[in-house]
């Protein structure tokens, strides 16, 4: 048997906090885009530093996972709140 939170006020507050996380995620994504441009040379889009680029790619992949999970959570919370 699955437990579900039924308190609309609590769900609403969780929804509000998760929306803030989503906003921070968007800001993080913008920063990652800026870093990507700095790591990529204008010469055929090759990276300037392979080691840094690899770490950056790992970070970018994890941030993408967080963004997807946050979106899924918001969708679920929105359904429960309405």
PDB file of N, CA and C in Angstrom:
ATOM      1  N   UNK A   1       0.838  -1.183   0.000  1.00  0.00           N
ATOM      2  CA  UNK A   1       0.000   0.000   0.000  1.00  0.00           C
ATOM      3  C   UNK A   1       0.883   1.247   0.000  1.00  0.00           C
ATOM      4  N   UNK A   2       0.539   2.192  -0.835  1.00  0.00           N
ATOM      5  CA  UNK A   2       1.330   3.408  -1.007  1.00  0.00           C
ATOM      6  C   UNK A   2       0.773   4.536  -0.151  1.00  0.00           C
ATOM      7  N   UNK A   3       1.643   5.207   0.586  1.00  0.00           N
ATOM      8  CA  UNK A   3       1.233   6.379   1.365  1.00  0.00           C
ATOM      9  C   UNK A   3       1.269   7.609   0.481  1.00  0.00           C
ATOM     10  N   UNK A   4       0.258   8.468   0.604  1.00  0.00           N
ATOM     11  CA  UNK A   4       0.221   9.722  -0.145  1.00  0.00           C
ATOM     12  C   UNK A   4      -0.091  10.860   0.802  1.00  0.00           C
ATOM     13  N   UNK A   5       0.617  11.953   0.624  1.00  0.00           N
ATOM     14  CA  UNK A   5       0.356  13.149   1.419  1.00  0.00           C
ATOM     15  C   UNK A   5      -0.967  13.749   0.952  1.00  0.00           C
ATOM     16  N   UNK A   6      -1.828  14.039   1.887  1.00  0.00           N
ATOM     17  CA  UNK A   6      -3.150  14.565   1.555  1.00  0.00           C
ATOM     18  C   UNK A   6      -3.331  16.032   1.942  1.00  0.00           C
ATOM     19  N   UNK A   7      -2.421  16.586   2.711  1.00  0.00           N
ATOM     20  CA  UNK A   7      -2.556  17.950   3.199  1.00  0.00           C
ATOM     21  C   UNK A   7      -2.302  18.946   2.066  1.00  0.00           C
ATOM     22  N   UNK A   8      -3.368  19.606   1.560  1.00  0.00           N
ATOM     23  CA  UNK A   8      -3.205  20.526   0.427  1.00  0.00           C
ATOM     24  C   UNK A   8      -2.260  21.691   0.717  1.00  0.00           C
ATOM     25  N   UNK A   9      -2.264  22.171   1.967  1.00  0.00           N
ATOM     26  CA  UNK A   9      -1.384  23.289   2.316  1.00  0.00           C
ATOM     27  C   UNK A   9       0.082  22.862   2.223  1.00  0.00           C
ATOM     28  N   UNK A  10       0.386  21.683   2.746  1.00  0.00           N
ATOM     29  CA  UNK A  10       1.759  21.171   2.689  1.00  0.00           C
ATOM     30  C   UNK A  10       2.175  20.907   1.245  1.00  0.00           C
ATOM     31  N   UNK A  11       1.282  20.326   0.471  1.00  0.00           N
ATOM     32  CA  UNK A  11       1.589  20.067  -0.936  1.00  0.00           C
ATOM     33  C   UNK A  11       1.831  21.382  -1.670  1.00  0.00           C
ATOM     34  N   UNK A  12       1.032  22.387  -1.378  1.00  0.00           N
ATOM     35  CA  UNK A  12       1.212  23.702  -1.996  1.00  0.00           C
ATOM     36  C   UNK A  12       2.558  24.313  -1.649  1.00  0.00           C
ATOM     37  N   UNK A  13       2.973  24.167  -0.392  1.00  0.00           N
ATOM     38  CA  UNK A  13       4.273  24.704   0.027  1.00  0.00           C
ATOM     39  C   UNK A  13       5.416  23.947  -0.640  1.00  0.00           C
ATOM     40  N   UNK A  14       5.287  22.628  -0.723  1.00  0.00           N
ATOM     41  CA  UNK A  14       6.308  21.827  -1.410  1.00  0.00           C
ATOM     42  C   UNK A  14       6.376  22.235  -2.879  1.00  0.00           C
ATOM     43  N   UNK A  15       5.223  22.459  -3.483  1.00  0.00           N
ATOM     44  CA  UNK A  15       5.163  22.901  -4.877  1.00  0.00           C
ATOM     45  C   UNK A  15       5.884  24.237  -5.047  1.00  0.00           C
ATOM     46  N   UNK A  16       5.625  25.184  -4.152  1.00  0.00           N
ATOM     47  CA  UNK A  16       6.288  26.494  -4.219  1.00  0.00           C
ATOM     48  C   UNK A  16       7.805  26.360  -4.092  1.00  0.00           C
ATOM     49  N   UNK A  17       8.253  25.543  -3.150  1.00  0.00           N
ATOM     50  CA  UNK A  17       9.696  25.357  -2.953  1.00  0.00           C
ATOM     51  C   UNK A  17      10.334  24.674  -4.166  1.00  0.00           C
ATOM     52  N   UNK A  18       9.617  23.719  -4.745  1.00  0.00           N
ATOM     53  CA  UNK A  18      10.136  23.017  -5.920  1.00  0.00           C
ATOM     54  C   UNK A  18      10.218  23.955  -7.119  1.00  0.00           C
ATOM     55  N   UNK A  19       9.278  24.894  -7.221  1.00  0.00           N
ATOM     56  CA  UNK A  19       9.355  25.899  -8.291  1.00  0.00           C
ATOM     57  C   UNK A  19      10.604  26.758  -8.135  1.00  0.00           C
ATOM     58  N   UNK A  20      10.988  27.040  -6.893  1.00  0.00           N
ATOM     59  CA  UNK A  20      12.228  27.794  -6.656  1.00  0.00           C
ATOM     60  C   UNK A  20      13.438  26.980  -7.103  1.00  0.00           C
ATOM     61  N   UNK A  21      13.401  25.679  -6.826  1.00  0.00           N
ATOM     62  CA  UNK A  21      14.486  24.804  -7.284  1.00  0.00           C
ATOM     63  C   UNK A  21      14.572  24.846  -8.806  1.00  0.00           C
ATOM     64  N   UNK A  22      13.420  24.796  -9.460  1.00  0.00           N
ATOM     65  CA  UNK A  22      13.402  24.841 -10.924  1.00  0.00           C
ATOM     66  C   UNK A  22      14.022  26.146 -11.438  1.00  0.00           C
ATOM     67  N   UNK A  23      13.734  27.242 -10.759  1.00  0.00           N
ATOM     68  CA  UNK A  23      14.318  28.529 -11.150  1.00  0.00           C
ATOM     69  C   UNK A  23      15.837  28.503 -10.978  1.00  0.00           C
ATOM     70  N   UNK A  24      16.308  27.953  -9.865  1.00  0.00           N
ATOM     71  CA  UNK A  24      17.752  27.824  -9.654  1.00  0.00           C
ATOM     72  C   UNK A  24      18.372  26.914 -10.714  1.00  0.00           C
ATOM     73  N   UNK A  25      17.651  25.854 -11.067  1.00  0.00           N
ATOM     74  CA  UNK A  25      18.132  24.947 -12.111  1.00  0.00           C
ATOM     75  C   UNK A  25      18.327  25.696 -13.426  1.00  0.00           C
ATOM     76  N   UNK A  26      17.384  26.582 -13.753  1.00  0.00           N
ATOM     77  CA  UNK A  26      17.486  27.356 -14.993  1.00  0.00           C
ATOM     78  C   UNK A  26      18.726  28.247 -14.940  1.00  0.00           C
ATOM     79  N   UNK A  27      18.951  28.888 -13.794  1.00  0.00           N
ATOM     80  CA  UNK A  27      20.141  29.732 -13.638  1.00  0.00           C
ATOM     81  C   UNK A  27      21.419  28.904 -13.764  1.00  0.00           C
ATOM     82  N   UNK A  28      21.423  27.720 -13.185  1.00  0.00           N
ATOM     83  CA  UNK A  28      22.577  26.831 -13.286  1.00  0.00           C
ATOM     84  C   UNK A  28      22.834  26.455 -14.737  1.00  0.00           C
ATOM     85  N   UNK A  29      21.770  26.162 -15.466  1.00  0.00           N
ATOM     86  CA  UNK A  29      21.899  25.815 -16.879  1.00  0.00           C
ATOM     87  C   UNK A  29      22.505  26.970 -17.671  1.00  0.00           C
ATOM     88  N   UNK A  30      22.097  28.179 -17.371  1.00  0.00           N
ATOM     89  CA  UNK A  30      22.664  29.350 -18.049  1.00  0.00           C
ATOM     90  C   UNK A  30      24.159  29.468 -17.761  1.00  0.00           C
ATOM     91  N   UNK A  31      24.556  29.225 -16.526  1.00  0.00           N
ATOM     92  CA  UNK A  31      25.982  29.263 -16.169  1.00  0.00           C
ATOM     93  C   UNK A  31      26.755  28.174 -16.912  1.00  0.00           C
ATOM     94  N   UNK A  32      26.171  26.994 -16.997  1.00  0.00           N
ATOM     95  CA  UNK A  32      26.825  25.901 -17.713  1.00  0.00           C
ATOM     96  C   UNK A  32      27.004  26.236 -19.188  1.00  0.00           C
ATOM     97  N   UNK A  33      26.017  26.893 -19.777  1.00  0.00           N
ATOM     98  CA  UNK A  33      26.143  27.309 -21.177  1.00  0.00           C
ATOM     99  C   UNK A  33      27.299  28.290 -21.348  1.00  0.00           C
ATOM    100  N   UNK A  34      27.443  29.204 -20.410  1.00  0.00           N
ATOM    101  CA  UNK A  34      28.549  30.168 -20.462  1.00  0.00           C
ATOM    102  C   UNK A  34      29.896  29.461 -20.330  1.00  0.00           C
ATOM    103  N   UNK A  35      29.975  28.514 -19.407  1.00  0.00           N
ATOM    104  CA  UNK A  35      31.215  27.757 -19.225  1.00  0.00           C
ATOM    105  C   UNK A  35      31.548  26.985 -20.492  1.00  0.00           C
ATOM    106  N   UNK A  36      30.547  26.385 -21.094  1.00  0.00           N
ATOM    107  CA  UNK A  36      30.758  25.619 -22.318  1.00  0.00           C
ATOM    108  C   UNK A  36      31.363  26.496 -23.408  1.00  0.00           C
ATOM    109  N   UNK A  37      30.859  27.706 -23.540  1.00  0.00           N
ATOM    110  CA  UNK A  37      31.398  28.617 -24.553  1.00  0.00           C
ATOM    111  C   UNK A  37      32.850  28.970 -24.243  1.00  0.00           C
ATOM    112  N   UNK A  38      33.184  29.115 -22.974  1.00  0.00           N
ATOM    113  CA  UNK A  38      34.561  29.436 -22.598  1.00  0.00           C
ATOM    114  C   UNK A  38      35.514  28.258 -22.823  1.00  0.00           C
ATOM    115  N   UNK A  39      35.008  27.046 -22.665  1.00  0.00           N
ATOM    116  CA  UNK A  39      35.842  25.860 -22.846  1.00  0.00           C
ATOM    117  C   UNK A  39      36.021  25.468 -24.308  1.00  0.00           C
ATOM    118  N   UNK A  40      35.196  26.007 -25.175  1.00  0.00           N
ATOM    119  CA  UNK A  40      35.240  25.646 -26.584  1.00  0.00           C
ATOM    120  C   UNK A  40      35.946  26.742 -27.364  1.00  0.00           C
ATOM    121  N   UNK A  41      36.924  26.344 -28.152  1.00  0.00           N
ATOM    122  CA  UNK A  41      37.626  27.337 -28.963  1.00  0.00           C
ATOM    123  C   UNK A  41      36.797  27.640 -30.202  1.00  0.00           C
ATOM    124  N   UNK A  42      37.102  28.725 -30.820  1.00  0.00           N
ATOM    125  CA  UNK A  42      36.418  29.098 -32.058  1.00  0.00           C
ATOM    126  C   UNK A  42      36.890  28.258 -33.234  1.00  0.00           C
ATOM    127  N   UNK A  43      37.966  27.519 -33.027  1.00  0.00           N
ATOM    128  CA  UNK A  43      38.555  26.709 -34.089  1.00  0.00           C
ATOM    129  C   UNK A  43      37.865  25.350 -34.157  1.00  0.00           C
ATOM    130  N   UNK A  44      36.866  25.240 -34.985  1.00  0.00           N
ATOM    131  CA  UNK A  44      36.144  23.981 -35.217  1.00  0.00           C
ATOM    132  C   UNK A  44      35.495  23.415 -33.959  1.00  0.00           C
ATOM    133  N   UNK A  45      35.171  24.272 -33.036  1.00  0.00           N
ATOM    134  CA  UNK A  45      34.469  23.899 -31.798  1.00  0.00           C
ATOM    135  C   UNK A  45      35.215  22.835 -30.997  1.00  0.00           C
ATOM    136  N   UNK A  46      36.531  22.863 -31.054  1.00  0.00           N
ATOM    137  CA  UNK A  46      37.335  21.932 -30.248  1.00  0.00           C
ATOM    138  C   UNK A  46      37.499  22.502 -28.848  1.00  0.00           C
ATOM    139  N   UNK A  47      37.653  21.596 -27.890  1.00  0.00           N
ATOM    140  CA  UNK A  47      37.809  22.052 -26.507  1.00  0.00           C
ATOM    141  C   UNK A  47      39.218  22.583 -26.274  1.00  0.00           C
ATOM    142  N   UNK A  48      39.311  23.541 -25.372  1.00  0.00           N
ATOM    143  CA  UNK A  48      40.601  24.138 -25.028  1.00  0.00           C
ATOM    144  C   UNK A  48      41.347  23.310 -23.986  1.00  0.00           C
ATOM    145  N   UNK A  49      40.614  22.576 -23.163  1.00  0.00           N
ATOM    146  CA  UNK A  49      41.214  21.793 -22.077  1.00  0.00           C
ATOM    147  C   UNK A  49      40.404  20.509 -21.917  1.00  0.00           C
ATOM    148  N   UNK A  50      40.984  19.403 -22.369  1.00  0.00           N
ATOM    149  CA  UNK A  50      40.250  18.134 -22.378  1.00  0.00           C
ATOM    150  C   UNK A  50      39.836  17.676 -20.983  1.00  0.00           C
ATOM    151  N   UNK A  51      40.727  17.832 -19.999  1.00  0.00           N
ATOM    152  CA  UNK A  51      40.408  17.378 -18.635  1.00  0.00           C
ATOM    153  C   UNK A  51      39.262  18.193 -18.043  1.00  0.00           C
ATOM    154  N   UNK A  52      39.344  19.506 -18.186  1.00  0.00           N
ATOM    155  CA  UNK A  52      38.258  20.363 -17.699  1.00  0.00           C
ATOM    156  C   UNK A  52      36.958  20.076 -18.439  1.00  0.00           C
ATOM    157  N   UNK A  53      37.063  19.865 -19.725  1.00  0.00           N
ATOM    158  CA  UNK A  53      35.863  19.601 -20.524  1.00  0.00           C
ATOM    159  C   UNK A  53      35.177  18.317 -20.093  1.00  0.00           C
ATOM    160  N   UNK A  54      35.979  17.289 -19.763  1.00  0.00           N
ATOM    161  CA  UNK A  54      35.387  16.024 -19.311  1.00  0.00           C
ATOM    162  C   UNK A  54      34.631  16.220 -18.001  1.00  0.00           C
ATOM    163  N   UNK A  55      35.228  16.926 -17.049  1.00  0.00           N
ATOM    164  CA  UNK A  55      34.548  17.203 -15.773  1.00  0.00           C
ATOM    165  C   UNK A  55      33.290  18.027 -16.007  1.00  0.00           C
ATOM    166  N   UNK A  56      33.393  18.985 -16.890  1.00  0.00           N
ATOM    167  CA  UNK A  56      32.246  19.823 -17.210  1.00  0.00           C
ATOM    168  C   UNK A  56      31.116  18.986 -17.806  1.00  0.00           C
ATOM    169  N   UNK A  57      31.456  18.061 -18.703  1.00  0.00           N
ATOM    170  CA  UNK A  57      30.440  17.194 -19.310  1.00  0.00           C
ATOM    171  C   UNK A  57      29.744  16.346 -18.249  1.00  0.00           C
ATOM    172  N   UNK A  58      30.505  15.846 -17.285  1.00  0.00           N
ATOM    173  CA  UNK A  58      29.918  15.068 -16.189  1.00  0.00           C
ATOM    174  C   UNK A  58      28.956  15.931 -15.376  1.00  0.00           C
ATOM    175  N   UNK A  59      29.388  17.135 -15.058  1.00  0.00           N
ATOM    176  CA  UNK A  59      28.539  18.062 -14.305  1.00  0.00           C
ATOM    177  C   UNK A  59      27.280  18.392 -15.092  1.00  0.00           C
ATOM    178  N   UNK A  60      27.444  18.668 -16.364  1.00  0.00           N
ATOM    179  CA  UNK A  60      26.307  19.012 -17.214  1.00  0.00           C
ATOM    180  C   UNK A  60      25.288  17.868 -17.264  1.00  0.00           C
ATOM    181  N   UNK A  61      25.771  16.633 -17.366  1.00  0.00           N
ATOM    182  CA  UNK A  61      24.874  15.472 -17.407  1.00  0.00           C
ATOM    183  C   UNK A  61      24.093  15.339 -16.096  1.00  0.00           C
ATOM    184  N   UNK A  62      24.762  15.559 -14.977  1.00  0.00           N
ATOM    185  CA  UNK A  62      24.079  15.468 -13.681  1.00  0.00           C
ATOM    186  C   UNK A  62      23.044  16.580 -13.520  1.00  0.00           C
ATOM    187  N   UNK A  63      23.376  17.769 -13.985  1.00  0.00           N
ATOM    188  CA  UNK A  63      22.423  18.882 -13.913  1.00  0.00           C
ATOM    189  C   UNK A  63      21.208  18.586 -14.790  1.00  0.00           C
ATOM    190  N   UNK A  64      21.431  18.001 -15.962  1.00  0.00           N
ATOM    191  CA  UNK A  64      20.305  17.615 -16.820  1.00  0.00           C
ATOM    192  C   UNK A  64      19.406  16.610 -16.108  1.00  0.00           C
ATOM    193  N   UNK A  65      20.010  15.637 -15.416  1.00  0.00           N
ATOM    194  CA  UNK A  65      19.225  14.660 -14.650  1.00  0.00           C
ATOM    195  C   UNK A  65      18.406  15.354 -13.560  1.00  0.00           C
ATOM    196  N   UNK A  66      19.029  16.295 -12.864  1.00  0.00           N
ATOM    197  CA  UNK A  66      18.325  17.045 -11.818  1.00  0.00           C
ATOM    198  C   UNK A  66      17.168  17.835 -12.416  1.00  0.00           C
ATOM    199  N   UNK A  67      17.396  18.458 -13.566  1.00  0.00           N
ATOM    200  CA  UNK A  67      16.332  19.228 -14.214  1.00  0.00           C
ATOM    201  C   UNK A  67      15.146  18.339 -14.584  1.00  0.00           C
ATOM    202  N   UNK A  68      15.434  17.152 -15.120  1.00  0.00           N
ATOM    203  CA  UNK A  68      14.363  16.221 -15.494  1.00  0.00           C
ATOM    204  C   UNK A  68      13.584  15.769 -14.259  1.00  0.00           C
ATOM    205  N   UNK A  69      14.296  15.413 -13.206  1.00  0.00           N
ATOM    206  CA  UNK A  69      13.647  14.955 -11.979  1.00  0.00           C
ATOM    207  C   UNK A  69      12.812  16.067 -11.352  1.00  0.00           C
ATOM    208  N   UNK A  70      13.328  17.291 -11.372  1.00  0.00           N
ATOM    209  CA  UNK A  70      12.579  18.432 -10.841  1.00  0.00           C
ATOM    210  C   UNK A  70      11.296  18.636 -11.634  1.00  0.00           C
ATOM    211  N   UNK A  71      11.372  18.531 -12.951  1.00  0.00           N
ATOM    212  CA  UNK A  71      10.177  18.681 -13.791  1.00  0.00           C
ATOM    213  C   UNK A  71       9.146  17.601 -13.484  1.00  0.00           C
ATOM    214  N   UNK A  72       9.618  16.369 -13.305  1.00  0.00           N
ATOM    215  CA  UNK A  72       8.710  15.272 -12.970  1.00  0.00           C
ATOM    216  C   UNK A  72       8.041  15.511 -11.622  1.00  0.00           C
ATOM    217  N   UNK A  73       8.824  15.973 -10.662  1.00  0.00           N
ATOM    218  CA  UNK A  73       8.283  16.266  -9.335  1.00  0.00           C
ATOM    219  C   UNK A  73       7.241  17.376  -9.410  1.00  0.00           C
ATOM    220  N   UNK A  74       7.533  18.431 -10.161  1.00  0.00           N
ATOM    221  CA  UNK A  74       6.569  19.525 -10.315  1.00  0.00           C
ATOM    222  C   UNK A  74       5.273  19.043 -10.955  1.00  0.00           C
ATOM    223  N   UNK A  75       5.397  18.184 -11.941  1.00  0.00           N
ATOM    224  CA  UNK A  75       4.206  17.648 -12.608  1.00  0.00           C
ATOM    225  C   UNK A  75       3.348  16.862 -11.618  1.00  0.00           C
ATOM    226  N   UNK A  76       3.981  16.010 -10.828  1.00  0.00           N
ATOM    227  CA  UNK A  76       3.258  15.210  -9.841  1.00  0.00           C
ATOM    228  C   UNK A  76       2.614  16.098  -8.778  1.00  0.00           C
ATOM    229  N   UNK A  77       3.366  17.071  -8.278  1.00  0.00           N
ATOM    230  CA  UNK A  77       2.826  17.974  -7.254  1.00  0.00           C
ATOM    231  C   UNK A  77       1.668  18.802  -7.794  1.00  0.00           C
ATOM    232  N   UNK A  78       1.787  19.251  -9.025  1.00  0.00           N
ATOM    233  CA  UNK A  78       0.717  20.053  -9.634  1.00  0.00           C
ATOM    234  C   UNK A  78      -0.576  19.249  -9.742  1.00  0.00           C
ATOM    235  N   UNK A  79      -0.454  17.985 -10.108  1.00  0.00           N
ATOM    236  CA  UNK A  79      -1.639  17.124 -10.204  1.00  0.00           C
ATOM    237  C   UNK A  79      -2.301  16.957  -8.838  1.00  0.00           C
ATOM    238  N   UNK A  80      -1.505  16.813  -7.802  1.00  0.00           N
ATOM    239  CA  UNK A  80      -2.052  16.622  -6.454  1.00  0.00           C
ATOM    240  C   UNK A  80      -2.639  17.907  -5.890  1.00  0.00           C
ATOM    241  N   UNK A  81      -2.069  19.034  -6.283  1.00  0.00           N
ATOM    242  CA  UNK A  81      -2.486  20.315  -5.713  1.00  0.00           C
ATOM    243  C   UNK A  81      -3.775  20.818  -6.350  1.00  0.00           C
ATOM    244  N   UNK A  82      -4.041  20.433  -7.564  1.00  0.00           N
ATOM    245  CA  UNK A  82      -5.261  20.913  -8.257  1.00  0.00           C
ATOM    246  C   UNK A  82      -6.446  20.026  -8.042  1.00  0.00           C
TER     247      UNK A  82
END
